[in-house]
Amino acid sequence: MSDFSAFEQIIEEMKLVYRHDQRPWMIGFSGGKDSTMLWTLVFEMLKTLKPSEIRKKIYITSSDTMVENPIVRRYMHKMSKMIGEAGAKYGICTNIVKPHIMLDGPQKNGTFWTYVIGLGYPTPEPPGFRWCTDRLKIRPINQFTLDTIKEN
């Protein structure tokens, strides 16, 4: 038995799912260990396919809340660009969504500062007041997903 048998089994299962239909895949990428492992496995699986078998778009999407630490923000944008360049020939398309994609009510955009300064929301405090996660990450990703589904 190979030292890489678990890896090989995952790749084979991913190939089976990939070949099953033409629907695009959407993968969230945060830059953490889980999402990095997932896109790496997808990339490795794609490299085992024949060029004629590569027939599906794969969207790797990150969320820029526009209030990230500058080092984290630069890393996210750099990684997104590198993944997009390396994966272009395999149908990989990278995207970075921002909160202004999702508009709530009458405000002109949905940035953190619009909520805190413009609308008077209190700043998020641990452990549970997390309005920012929903409005700055989840809603923009959901909107991007819905728009992409409509296009495909």
Protein backbone atom coordinates (compact mmCIF):
# COMPACT_ATOMS: atom_id res chain seq x y z
CA MET A 1 0.00 0.00 0.00
CA SER A 2 1.28 3.43 -0.97
CA ASP A 3 2.12 6.09 1.60
CA PHE A 4 -0.14 8.33 -0.43
CA SER A 5 -3.14 6.01 -0.64
CA ALA A 6 -5.49 8.39 1.19
CA PHE A 7 -4.40 11.23 -1.10
CA GLU A 8 -4.86 9.04 -4.19
CA GLN A 9 -8.34 7.96 -3.05
CA ILE A 10 -9.39 11.58 -2.57
CA ILE A 11 -8.07 12.52 -6.03
CA GLU A 12 -9.94 9.60 -7.64
CA GLU A 13 -13.18 10.53 -5.91
CA MET A 14 -12.77 14.16 -6.95
CA LYS A 15 -12.24 13.06 -10.56
CA LEU A 16 -15.43 11.04 -10.44
CA VAL A 17 -17.42 14.02 -9.15
CA TYR A 18 -15.72 16.41 -11.60
CA ARG A 19 -16.59 14.23 -14.59
CA HIS A 20 -20.19 13.71 -13.46
CA ASP A 21 -21.61 16.91 -14.97
CA GLN A 22 -20.79 20.30 -16.48
CA ARG A 23 -21.82 22.42 -13.49
CA PRO A 24 -19.11 24.78 -12.27
CA TRP A 25 -17.53 24.35 -8.88
CA MET A 26 -17.36 27.17 -6.36
CA ILE A 27 -14.71 27.05 -3.67
CA GLY A 28 -14.31 29.57 -0.89
CA PHE A 29 -10.70 30.48 -0.20
CA SER A 30 -9.72 32.20 3.04
CA GLY A 31 -6.01 31.42 2.92
CA GLY A 32 -6.29 29.19 5.99
CA LYS A 33 -5.16 25.57 6.12
CA ASP A 34 -8.54 24.04 5.21
CA SER A 35 -9.27 26.12 2.12
CA THR A 36 -5.63 25.93 1.03
CA MET A 37 -5.75 22.14 1.24
CA LEU A 38 -9.02 22.00 -0.69
CA TRP A 39 -7.87 24.13 -3.63
CA THR A 40 -4.55 22.26 -3.66
CA LEU A 41 -6.37 18.93 -3.93
CA VAL A 42 -8.55 20.33 -6.74
CA PHE A 43 -5.46 21.61 -8.54
CA GLU A 44 -3.67 18.27 -8.14
CA MET A 45 -6.76 16.43 -9.42
CA LEU A 46 -6.98 18.69 -12.48
CA LYS A 47 -3.33 18.04 -13.30
CA THR A 48 -4.11 14.31 -13.62
CA LEU A 49 -6.82 14.89 -16.25
CA LYS A 50 -6.28 14.86 -19.99
CA PRO A 51 -6.74 18.28 -21.61
CA SER A 52 -9.93 17.02 -23.30
CA GLU A 53 -11.41 16.18 -19.87
CA ILE A 54 -11.03 19.70 -18.52
CA ARG A 55 -14.44 21.12 -19.28
CA LYS A 56 -15.69 22.78 -16.12
CA LYS A 57 -15.15 26.24 -14.66
CA ILE A 58 -13.92 26.35 -11.11
CA TYR A 59 -14.40 29.59 -9.20
CA ILE A 60 -12.09 30.14 -6.25
CA THR A 61 -13.52 33.04 -4.31
CA SER A 62 -12.14 35.08 -1.42
CA SER A 63 -13.80 37.79 0.60
CA ASP A 64 -12.11 41.13 1.23
CA THR A 65 -14.02 42.86 4.02
CA MET A 66 -12.02 46.04 3.34
CA VAL A 67 -11.07 46.22 7.04
CA GLU A 68 -8.51 43.41 7.05
CA ASN A 69 -5.02 43.83 8.41
CA PRO A 70 -2.96 45.18 5.45
CA ILE A 71 -0.60 42.18 5.61
CA VAL A 72 -3.52 39.73 5.46
CA ARG A 73 -5.17 41.73 2.66
CA ARG A 74 -1.98 41.76 0.55
CA TYR A 75 -1.53 38.03 1.12
CA MET A 76 -5.12 37.30 0.05
CA HIS A 77 -4.82 39.34 -3.14
CA LYS A 78 -1.38 37.89 -3.96
CA MET A 79 -2.57 34.30 -3.43
CA SER A 80 -5.72 34.89 -5.48
CA LYS A 81 -3.63 36.22 -8.35
CA MET A 82 -1.15 33.34 -8.15
CA ILE A 83 -3.90 30.70 -8.01
CA GLY A 84 -5.63 32.31 -10.98
CA GLU A 85 -2.44 32.40 -13.05
CA ALA A 86 -1.45 28.82 -12.21
CA GLY A 87 -4.96 27.47 -12.72
CA ALA A 88 -6.09 29.38 -15.82
CA LYS A 89 -5.35 26.49 -18.18
CA TYR A 90 -7.46 24.20 -15.96
CA GLY A 91 -10.55 26.42 -15.95
CA ILE A 92 -9.80 28.00 -12.58
CA CYS A 93 -11.03 31.56 -12.18
CA THR A 94 -10.29 33.52 -9.01
CA ASN A 95 -12.50 36.26 -7.60
CA ILE A 96 -12.38 38.56 -4.63
CA VAL A 97 -15.74 39.84 -3.46
CA LYS A 98 -16.21 42.97 -1.37
CA PRO A 99 -19.08 44.06 0.84
CA HIS A 100 -20.25 46.83 -1.48
CA ILE A 101 -21.58 44.13 -3.80
CA MET A 102 -24.46 43.55 -1.38
CA LEU A 103 -26.52 46.64 -0.74
CA ASP A 104 -28.84 46.81 2.25
CA GLY A 105 -31.69 49.29 2.09
CA PRO A 106 -31.07 52.94 1.27
CA GLN A 107 -27.32 53.18 1.92
CA LYS A 108 -25.01 53.53 -1.06
CA ASN A 109 -22.71 50.70 -0.09
CA GLY A 110 -22.37 48.01 2.52
CA THR A 111 -18.90 48.66 3.87
CA PHE A 112 -17.97 48.37 7.53
CA TRP A 113 -17.66 52.15 7.81
CA THR A 114 -21.10 52.72 6.32
CA TYR A 115 -22.58 50.54 9.03
CA VAL A 116 -20.55 51.93 11.95
CA ILE A 117 -20.27 55.63 11.08
CA GLY A 118 -23.14 56.09 8.66
CA LEU A 119 -25.82 53.95 10.31
CA GLY A 120 -24.57 53.90 13.91
CA TYR A 121 -24.09 50.16 14.30
CA PRO A 122 -21.98 49.33 17.35
CA THR A 123 -18.62 47.83 16.56
CA PRO A 124 -18.63 44.04 16.86
CA GLU A 125 -17.56 42.68 20.23
CA PRO A 126 -16.82 39.13 21.25
CA PRO A 127 -18.24 36.66 21.82
CA GLY A 128 -21.42 36.95 19.80
CA PHE A 129 -22.25 40.28 18.19
CA ARG A 130 -21.15 39.33 14.68
CA TRP A 131 -23.27 41.39 12.30
CA CYS A 132 -20.09 42.09 10.34
CA THR A 133 -19.55 38.45 9.33
CA ASP A 134 -22.99 38.23 7.75
CA ARG A 135 -22.89 41.62 6.02
CA LEU A 136 -19.21 41.84 5.06
CA LYS A 137 -18.51 38.21 4.09
CA ILE A 138 -21.52 35.91 3.84
CA ARG A 139 -23.91 38.16 1.92
CA PRO A 140 -21.35 39.23 -0.72
CA ILE A 141 -20.27 35.61 -1.27
CA ASN A 142 -23.91 34.49 -1.50
CA GLN A 143 -24.67 37.24 -4.03
CA PHE A 144 -21.63 36.31 -6.11
CA THR A 145 -22.69 32.66 -6.01
CA LEU A 146 -26.25 33.45 -7.12
CA ASP A 147 -25.01 35.70 -9.94
CA THR A 148 -22.56 33.01 -11.11
CA ILE A 149 -25.25 30.32 -11.04
CA LYS A 150 -27.49 32.53 -13.20
CA GLU A 151 -24.67 32.94 -15.74
CA ASN A 152 -24.05 29.20 -15.90
